[in-house]
């Protein structure tokens, strides 16, 4: 999740209001260490402001780790059934759909979890390199292309936002990040026999040097 992406999602959820959107289920949340240390803008720009505003956010992921409130597989019917009993009014689905083999089923499950009148806030890469976690299907839709998979929902707000690129990310990491970049790059690029997905990710990122990343963001309301 990019910084401007986090800002857009926070603003969209805040506009919906606590009564309409809380509690929020954050699917594919990863860990507290990822959200607060490795990508601190996710916590600082999205979750901390929402919590201060009175929103309850529940983080769900496949992995059991600090910062994951609910552990389970979104394709497990028993796990989905348990989520449906918790009264979630909205689902936050950020940078997940490109990492699953069947995004249409994930969309339907999100609609089932919140039910009619519920809200779904979605974001993901639009112009962005390959990044396996553990797969990347290269699902890169516009919001209008995304809308049909949320078949029971109405798209009411969307945008494609640009937010920096690889050079900006390296510089933002400070002097150590700049100094270590060529060493890490060589190690990752030429470690293909041992870590092919890491190498493919780095080769893909090289194609974006001098370009800006962009993401799609969208808000849906379940109407049926």
C-alpha atoms as a PDB file:
ATOM      1  CA  UNK A   1       0.000   0.000   0.000  1.00  0.00           C
ATOM      2  CA  UNK A   2       1.409   3.356  -1.069  1.00  0.00           C
ATOM      3  CA  UNK A   3       1.194   6.503   1.084  1.00  0.00           C
ATOM      4  CA  UNK A   4      -1.366   8.352  -1.069  1.00  0.00           C
ATOM      5  CA  UNK A   5      -3.334   5.111  -1.336  1.00  0.00           C
ATOM      6  CA  UNK A   6      -3.490   4.965   2.483  1.00  0.00           C
ATOM      7  CA  UNK A   7      -4.602   8.606   2.588  1.00  0.00           C
ATOM      8  CA  UNK A   8      -7.378   7.980   0.051  1.00  0.00           C
ATOM      9  CA  UNK A   9      -8.682   4.932   1.878  1.00  0.00           C
ATOM     10  CA  UNK A  10      -8.647   6.719   5.231  1.00  0.00           C
ATOM     11  CA  UNK A  11     -10.563   9.644   3.764  1.00  0.00           C
ATOM     12  CA  UNK A  12     -13.131   7.341   2.118  1.00  0.00           C
ATOM     13  CA  UNK A  13     -13.755   5.414   5.342  1.00  0.00           C
ATOM     14  CA  UNK A  14     -13.954   8.606   7.409  1.00  0.00           C
ATOM     15  CA  UNK A  15     -16.517  10.087   4.986  1.00  0.00           C
ATOM     16  CA  UNK A  16     -18.649   6.969   5.366  1.00  0.00           C
ATOM     17  CA  UNK A  17     -18.669   7.516   9.122  1.00  0.00           C
ATOM     18  CA  UNK A  18     -18.362   5.281  12.160  1.00  0.00           C
ATOM     19  CA  UNK A  19     -22.032   4.317  12.173  1.00  0.00           C
ATOM     20  CA  UNK A  20     -21.923   3.081   8.564  1.00  0.00           C
ATOM     21  CA  UNK A  21     -18.432   1.585   8.332  1.00  0.00           C
ATOM     22  CA  UNK A  22     -17.378   0.356  11.776  1.00  0.00           C
ATOM     23  CA  UNK A  23     -16.298  -2.280  12.617  1.00  0.00           C
ATOM     24  CA  UNK A  24     -13.945  -2.533   9.619  1.00  0.00           C
ATOM     25  CA  UNK A  25     -12.554  -5.917   8.589  1.00  0.00           C
ATOM     26  CA  UNK A  26      -9.075  -5.524   7.092  1.00  0.00           C
ATOM     27  CA  UNK A  27      -8.515  -8.640   4.968  1.00  0.00           C
ATOM     28  CA  UNK A  28      -4.964  -9.645   4.079  1.00  0.00           C
ATOM     29  CA  UNK A  29      -3.660  -7.346   6.781  1.00  0.00           C
ATOM     30  CA  UNK A  30      -0.182  -8.811   7.226  1.00  0.00           C
ATOM     31  CA  UNK A  31       1.453  -8.194  10.604  1.00  0.00           C
ATOM     32  CA  UNK A  32       1.867  -5.258  12.969  1.00  0.00           C
ATOM     33  CA  UNK A  33       5.595  -5.309  12.166  1.00  0.00           C
ATOM     34  CA  UNK A  34       4.817  -4.886   8.457  1.00  0.00           C
ATOM     35  CA  UNK A  35       2.229  -2.117   8.971  1.00  0.00           C
ATOM     36  CA  UNK A  36       4.080  -0.183  11.677  1.00  0.00           C
ATOM     37  CA  UNK A  37       7.803  -0.787  11.090  1.00  0.00           C
ATOM     38  CA  UNK A  38       8.460  -1.876   7.504  1.00  0.00           C
ATOM     39  CA  UNK A  39       5.667   0.314   6.042  1.00  0.00           C
ATOM     40  CA  UNK A  40       4.932   2.801   8.848  1.00  0.00           C
ATOM     41  CA  UNK A  41       2.860   5.044   6.586  1.00  0.00           C
ATOM     42  CA  UNK A  42       0.163   2.334   6.599  1.00  0.00           C
ATOM     43  CA  UNK A  43      -0.288   2.714  10.338  1.00  0.00           C
ATOM     44  CA  UNK A  44       0.393   6.460  10.515  1.00  0.00           C
ATOM     45  CA  UNK A  45      -1.747   7.515   7.564  1.00  0.00           C
ATOM     46  CA  UNK A  46      -4.552   4.951   7.742  1.00  0.00           C
ATOM     47  CA  UNK A  47      -5.125   2.901  10.857  1.00  0.00           C
ATOM     48  CA  UNK A  48      -3.972   5.251  13.623  1.00  0.00           C
ATOM     49  CA  UNK A  49      -6.207   8.127  12.388  1.00  0.00           C
ATOM     50  CA  UNK A  50      -9.179   5.769  11.987  1.00  0.00           C
ATOM     51  CA  UNK A  51      -8.764   4.440  15.507  1.00  0.00           C
ATOM     52  CA  UNK A  52      -8.508   7.977  16.901  1.00  0.00           C
ATOM     53  CA  UNK A  53     -11.736   8.805  15.055  1.00  0.00           C
ATOM     54  CA  UNK A  54     -13.519   5.927  16.781  1.00  0.00           C
ATOM     55  CA  UNK A  55     -13.425   3.238  14.105  1.00  0.00           C
ATOM     56  CA  UNK A  56     -12.877  -0.339  15.229  1.00  0.00           C
ATOM     57  CA  UNK A  57     -10.503  -2.127  12.847  1.00  0.00           C
ATOM     58  CA  UNK A  58     -10.026  -5.905  12.939  1.00  0.00           C
ATOM     59  CA  UNK A  59      -7.006  -7.284  11.059  1.00  0.00           C
ATOM     60  CA  UNK A  60      -7.316 -10.732   9.427  1.00  0.00           C
ATOM     61  CA  UNK A  61      -4.635 -12.731   7.640  1.00  0.00           C
ATOM     62  CA  UNK A  62      -3.485 -16.248   6.822  1.00  0.00           C
ATOM     63  CA  UNK A  63      -0.464 -15.951   9.114  1.00  0.00           C
ATOM     64  CA  UNK A  64      -0.600 -16.025  12.901  1.00  0.00           C
ATOM     65  CA  UNK A  65       1.557 -13.165  14.174  1.00  0.00           C
ATOM     66  CA  UNK A  66       1.364 -10.091  16.410  1.00  0.00           C
ATOM     67  CA  UNK A  67      -1.089  -7.618  14.937  1.00  0.00           C
ATOM     68  CA  UNK A  68      -3.265 -10.275  13.296  1.00  0.00           C
ATOM     69  CA  UNK A  69      -6.565 -10.425  15.184  1.00  0.00           C
ATOM     70  CA  UNK A  70      -8.221 -13.187  13.161  1.00  0.00           C
ATOM     71  CA  UNK A  71      -6.267 -15.973  11.480  1.00  0.00           C
ATOM     72  CA  UNK A  72      -7.835 -17.874   8.614  1.00  0.00           C
ATOM     73  CA  UNK A  73      -8.171 -18.528   4.896  1.00  0.00           C
ATOM     74  CA  UNK A  74     -10.719 -16.407   3.066  1.00  0.00           C
ATOM     75  CA  UNK A  75     -11.466 -19.438   0.864  1.00  0.00           C
ATOM     76  CA  UNK A  76     -12.349 -21.561   3.923  1.00  0.00           C
ATOM     77  CA  UNK A  77     -16.176 -21.624   4.280  1.00  0.00           C
ATOM     78  CA  UNK A  78     -15.958 -22.105   8.046  1.00  0.00           C
ATOM     79  CA  UNK A  79     -13.736 -19.046   8.433  1.00  0.00           C
ATOM     80  CA  UNK A  80     -16.046 -16.973   6.231  1.00  0.00           C
ATOM     81  CA  UNK A  81     -19.078 -18.145   8.240  1.00  0.00           C
ATOM     82  CA  UNK A  82     -17.359 -17.006  11.435  1.00  0.00           C
ATOM     83  CA  UNK A  83     -16.681 -13.589   9.902  1.00  0.00           C
ATOM     84  CA  UNK A  84     -20.338 -13.213   8.937  1.00  0.00           C
ATOM     85  CA  UNK A  85     -21.380 -13.508  12.580  1.00  0.00           C
ATOM     86  CA  UNK A  86     -19.201 -10.621  13.748  1.00  0.00           C
ATOM     87  CA  UNK A  87     -21.290  -7.767  12.399  1.00  0.00           C
ATOM     88  CA  UNK A  88     -18.708  -6.116  10.157  1.00  0.00           C
ATOM     89  CA  UNK A  89     -20.138  -3.095   8.361  1.00  0.00           C
ATOM     90  CA  UNK A  90     -17.244  -2.730   5.953  1.00  0.00           C
ATOM     91  CA  UNK A  91     -14.309  -4.606   4.450  1.00  0.00           C
ATOM     92  CA  UNK A  92     -10.957  -3.092   3.555  1.00  0.00           C
ATOM     93  CA  UNK A  93      -9.350  -5.064   0.735  1.00  0.00           C
ATOM     94  CA  UNK A  94      -6.009  -3.505  -0.114  1.00  0.00           C
ATOM     95  CA  UNK A  95      -3.393  -5.028  -2.404  1.00  0.00           C
ATOM     96  CA  UNK A  96      -4.850  -8.514  -2.121  1.00  0.00           C
ATOM     97  CA  UNK A  97      -6.702  -9.214  -5.360  1.00  0.00           C
ATOM     98  CA  UNK A  98      -3.514  -9.507  -7.436  1.00  0.00           C
ATOM     99  CA  UNK A  99      -2.271 -12.177  -5.027  1.00  0.00           C
ATOM    100  CA  UNK A 100      -5.193 -14.595  -5.342  1.00  0.00           C
ATOM    101  CA  UNK A 101      -6.102 -16.878  -8.224  1.00  0.00           C
ATOM    102  CA  UNK A 102      -9.823 -16.057  -8.093  1.00  0.00           C
ATOM    103  CA  UNK A 103     -10.554 -12.367  -7.318  1.00  0.00           C
ATOM    104  CA  UNK A 104     -14.215 -12.735  -8.289  1.00  0.00           C
ATOM    105  CA  UNK A 105     -14.772 -15.253  -5.496  1.00  0.00           C
ATOM    106  CA  UNK A 106     -12.992 -12.966  -3.019  1.00  0.00           C
ATOM    107  CA  UNK A 107     -15.285 -10.110  -4.073  1.00  0.00           C
ATOM    108  CA  UNK A 108     -18.385 -12.269  -3.565  1.00  0.00           C
ATOM    109  CA  UNK A 109     -17.155 -13.355  -0.139  1.00  0.00           C
ATOM    110  CA  UNK A 110     -16.628  -9.734   0.895  1.00  0.00           C
ATOM    111  CA  UNK A 111     -20.193  -8.953  -0.157  1.00  0.00           C
ATOM    112  CA  UNK A 112     -21.418 -11.927   1.867  1.00  0.00           C
ATOM    113  CA  UNK A 113     -19.515 -10.783   4.960  1.00  0.00           C
ATOM    114  CA  UNK A 114     -20.964  -7.267   5.114  1.00  0.00           C
ATOM    115  CA  UNK A 115     -24.367  -8.007   3.544  1.00  0.00           C
ATOM    116  CA  UNK A 116     -26.755  -5.583   1.897  1.00  0.00           C
ATOM    117  CA  UNK A 117     -25.918  -1.993   2.760  1.00  0.00           C
ATOM    118  CA  UNK A 118     -22.346  -2.883   3.703  1.00  0.00           C
ATOM    119  CA  UNK A 119     -19.312  -1.077   2.336  1.00  0.00           C
ATOM    120  CA  UNK A 120     -16.202  -2.405   0.609  1.00  0.00           C
ATOM    121  CA  UNK A 121     -13.074  -0.294   0.188  1.00  0.00           C
ATOM    122  CA  UNK A 122     -10.661  -1.702  -2.398  1.00  0.00           C
ATOM    123  CA  UNK A 123      -7.236  -0.738  -3.664  1.00  0.00           C
ATOM    124  CA  UNK A 124      -4.422  -2.327  -5.600  1.00  0.00           C
ATOM    125  CA  UNK A 125      -1.750  -1.765  -8.223  1.00  0.00           C
ATOM    126  CA  UNK A 126      -2.624  -0.268 -11.584  1.00  0.00           C
ATOM    127  CA  UNK A 127       0.764   0.650 -13.091  1.00  0.00           C
ATOM    128  CA  UNK A 128       3.132  -1.353 -10.915  1.00  0.00           C
ATOM    129  CA  UNK A 129       5.803  -4.050 -11.372  1.00  0.00           C
ATOM    130  CA  UNK A 130       5.498  -7.754 -10.666  1.00  0.00           C
ATOM    131  CA  UNK A 131       5.695  -8.579  -6.944  1.00  0.00           C
ATOM    132  CA  UNK A 132       4.984 -12.123  -5.779  1.00  0.00           C
ATOM    133  CA  UNK A 133       3.338 -12.589  -2.362  1.00  0.00           C
ATOM    134  CA  UNK A 134       3.389 -15.553  -2.899  1.00  0.00           C
ATOM    135  CA  UNK A 135       1.980 -15.045  -6.424  1.00  0.00           C
ATOM    136  CA  UNK A 136       1.205 -12.042  -8.573  1.00  0.00           C
ATOM    137  CA  UNK A 137      -1.380 -12.631 -11.290  1.00  0.00           C
ATOM    138  CA  UNK A 138      -0.726  -9.133 -12.733  1.00  0.00           C
ATOM    139  CA  UNK A 139      -4.349  -8.196 -12.041  1.00  0.00           C
ATOM    140  CA  UNK A 140      -4.170  -4.465 -12.790  1.00  0.00           C
ATOM    141  CA  UNK A 141      -7.732  -3.187 -13.379  1.00  0.00           C
ATOM    142  CA  UNK A 142      -9.143   0.277 -13.675  1.00  0.00           C
ATOM    143  CA  UNK A 143     -11.980   0.871 -11.194  1.00  0.00           C
ATOM    144  CA  UNK A 144     -14.497   0.421 -14.023  1.00  0.00           C
ATOM    145  CA  UNK A 145     -12.911  -2.890 -14.960  1.00  0.00           C
ATOM    146  CA  UNK A 146     -12.979  -3.888 -11.297  1.00  0.00           C
ATOM    147  CA  UNK A 147     -16.685  -3.107 -10.837  1.00  0.00           C
ATOM    148  CA  UNK A 148     -18.128  -6.222 -12.571  1.00  0.00           C
ATOM    149  CA  UNK A 149     -16.494  -8.615 -10.116  1.00  0.00           C
ATOM    150  CA  UNK A 150     -18.416  -6.929  -7.305  1.00  0.00           C
ATOM    151  CA  UNK A 151     -21.643  -8.031  -8.965  1.00  0.00           C
ATOM    152  CA  UNK A 152     -23.997  -7.176  -6.090  1.00  0.00           C
ATOM    153  CA  UNK A 153     -22.458  -3.795  -5.359  1.00  0.00           C
ATOM    154  CA  UNK A 154     -22.563  -0.251  -6.650  1.00  0.00           C
ATOM    155  CA  UNK A 155     -19.335   1.641  -7.356  1.00  0.00           C
ATOM    156  CA  UNK A 156     -19.743   5.094  -5.844  1.00  0.00           C
ATOM    157  CA  UNK A 157     -16.228   6.531  -5.674  1.00  0.00           C
ATOM    158  CA  UNK A 158     -12.990   5.665  -7.465  1.00  0.00           C
ATOM    159  CA  UNK A 159      -9.718   7.046  -8.726  1.00  0.00           C
ATOM    160  CA  UNK A 160      -6.338   6.102 -10.141  1.00  0.00           C
ATOM    161  CA  UNK A 161      -3.604   7.783  -8.110  1.00  0.00           C
ATOM    162  CA  UNK A 162       0.108   8.125  -8.835  1.00  0.00           C
ATOM    163  CA  UNK A 163       2.508   7.997  -5.899  1.00  0.00           C
ATOM    164  CA  UNK A 164       6.217   8.164  -6.602  1.00  0.00           C
ATOM    165  CA  UNK A 165       8.399   5.414  -7.962  1.00  0.00           C
ATOM    166  CA  UNK A 166      11.433   3.274  -7.123  1.00  0.00           C
ATOM    167  CA  UNK A 167      13.932   6.147  -7.140  1.00  0.00           C
ATOM    168  CA  UNK A 168      11.824   8.142  -4.697  1.00  0.00           C
ATOM    169  CA  UNK A 169      11.439   5.109  -2.447  1.00  0.00           C
ATOM    170  CA  UNK A 170      15.199   4.583  -2.312  1.00  0.00           C
ATOM    171  CA  UNK A 171      15.923   8.240  -1.544  1.00  0.00           C
ATOM    172  CA  UNK A 172      13.190   8.371   1.088  1.00  0.00           C
ATOM    173  CA  UNK A 173      14.944   5.539   2.929  1.00  0.00           C
ATOM    174  CA  UNK A 174      17.896   7.823   3.684  1.00  0.00           C
ATOM    175  CA  UNK A 175      21.627   7.575   3.105  1.00  0.00           C
ATOM    176  CA  UNK A 176      21.928   3.957   4.187  1.00  0.00           C
ATOM    177  CA  UNK A 177      19.163   2.961   1.781  1.00  0.00           C
ATOM    178  CA  UNK A 178      20.938   4.722  -1.109  1.00  0.00           C
ATOM    179  CA  UNK A 179      24.313   3.206  -0.214  1.00  0.00           C
ATOM    180  CA  UNK A 180      22.991  -0.334   0.154  1.00  0.00           C
ATOM    181  CA  UNK A 181      20.816  -0.241  -2.963  1.00  0.00           C
ATOM    182  CA  UNK A 182      23.409  -1.429  -5.534  1.00  0.00           C
ATOM    183  CA  UNK A 183      24.600  -4.244  -3.247  1.00  0.00           C
ATOM    184  CA  UNK A 184      21.059  -5.483  -2.586  1.00  0.00           C
ATOM    185  CA  UNK A 185      20.137  -5.108  -6.250  1.00  0.00           C
ATOM    186  CA  UNK A 186      23.017  -7.276  -7.482  1.00  0.00           C
ATOM    187  CA  UNK A 187      22.310  -9.911  -4.834  1.00  0.00           C
ATOM    188  CA  UNK A 188      18.620 -10.076  -5.726  1.00  0.00           C
ATOM    189  CA  UNK A 189      18.999  -9.905  -9.488  1.00  0.00           C
ATOM    190  CA  UNK A 190      21.593 -12.617  -9.767  1.00  0.00           C
ATOM    191  CA  UNK A 191      20.191 -14.910  -7.096  1.00  0.00           C
ATOM    192  CA  UNK A 192      17.756 -16.262  -9.673  1.00  0.00           C
ATOM    193  CA  UNK A 193      18.736 -19.953  -9.283  1.00  0.00           C
ATOM    194  CA  UNK A 194      18.087 -19.746  -5.550  1.00  0.00           C
ATOM    195  CA  UNK A 195      15.241 -17.220  -5.320  1.00  0.00           C
ATOM    196  CA  UNK A 196      13.604 -16.891  -8.742  1.00  0.00           C
ATOM    197  CA  UNK A 197      10.579 -14.864  -7.587  1.00  0.00           C
ATOM    198  CA  UNK A 198      12.778 -12.321  -5.797  1.00  0.00           C
ATOM    199  CA  UNK A 199      14.955 -11.975  -8.881  1.00  0.00           C
ATOM    200  CA  UNK A 200      11.935 -11.593 -11.164  1.00  0.00           C
ATOM    201  CA  UNK A 201      10.541  -8.903  -8.839  1.00  0.00           C
ATOM    202  CA  UNK A 202      13.787  -6.924  -8.970  1.00  0.00           C
ATOM    203  CA  UNK A 203      14.089  -7.209 -12.768  1.00  0.00           C
ATOM    204  CA  UNK A 204      10.500  -6.000 -13.021  1.00  0.00           C
ATOM    205  CA  UNK A 205      11.164  -3.020 -10.747  1.00  0.00           C
ATOM    206  CA  UNK A 206      14.080  -1.977 -12.919  1.00  0.00           C
ATOM    207  CA  UNK A 207      11.580  -1.435 -15.730  1.00  0.00           C
ATOM    208  CA  UNK A 208       9.912   1.247 -13.582  1.00  0.00           C
ATOM    209  CA  UNK A 209      13.003   3.379 -12.972  1.00  0.00           C
ATOM    210  CA  UNK A 210      12.111   6.906 -14.023  1.00  0.00           C
ATOM    211  CA  UNK A 211       8.410   6.075 -13.934  1.00  0.00           C
ATOM    212  CA  UNK A 212       5.720   6.624 -11.333  1.00  0.00           C
ATOM    213  CA  UNK A 213       3.786   3.869  -9.639  1.00  0.00           C
ATOM    214  CA  UNK A 214       0.002   4.164  -9.648  1.00  0.00           C
ATOM    215  CA  UNK A 215      -2.810   2.403  -7.839  1.00  0.00           C
ATOM    216  CA  UNK A 216      -6.553   2.018  -8.253  1.00  0.00           C
ATOM    217  CA  UNK A 217      -8.794   2.913  -5.316  1.00  0.00           C
ATOM    218  CA  UNK A 218     -12.537   2.335  -5.135  1.00  0.00           C
ATOM    219  CA  UNK A 219     -15.489   2.295  -2.768  1.00  0.00           C
ATOM    220  CA  UNK A 220     -18.488  -0.012  -3.188  1.00  0.00           C
ATOM    221  CA  UNK A 221     -21.830  -0.358  -1.460  1.00  0.00           C
ATOM    222  CA  UNK A 222     -23.548  -3.741  -1.468  1.00  0.00           C
ATOM    223  CA  UNK A 223     -27.059  -3.265  -2.876  1.00  0.00           C
ATOM    224  CA  UNK A 224     -28.341  -6.842  -3.117  1.00  0.00           C
END
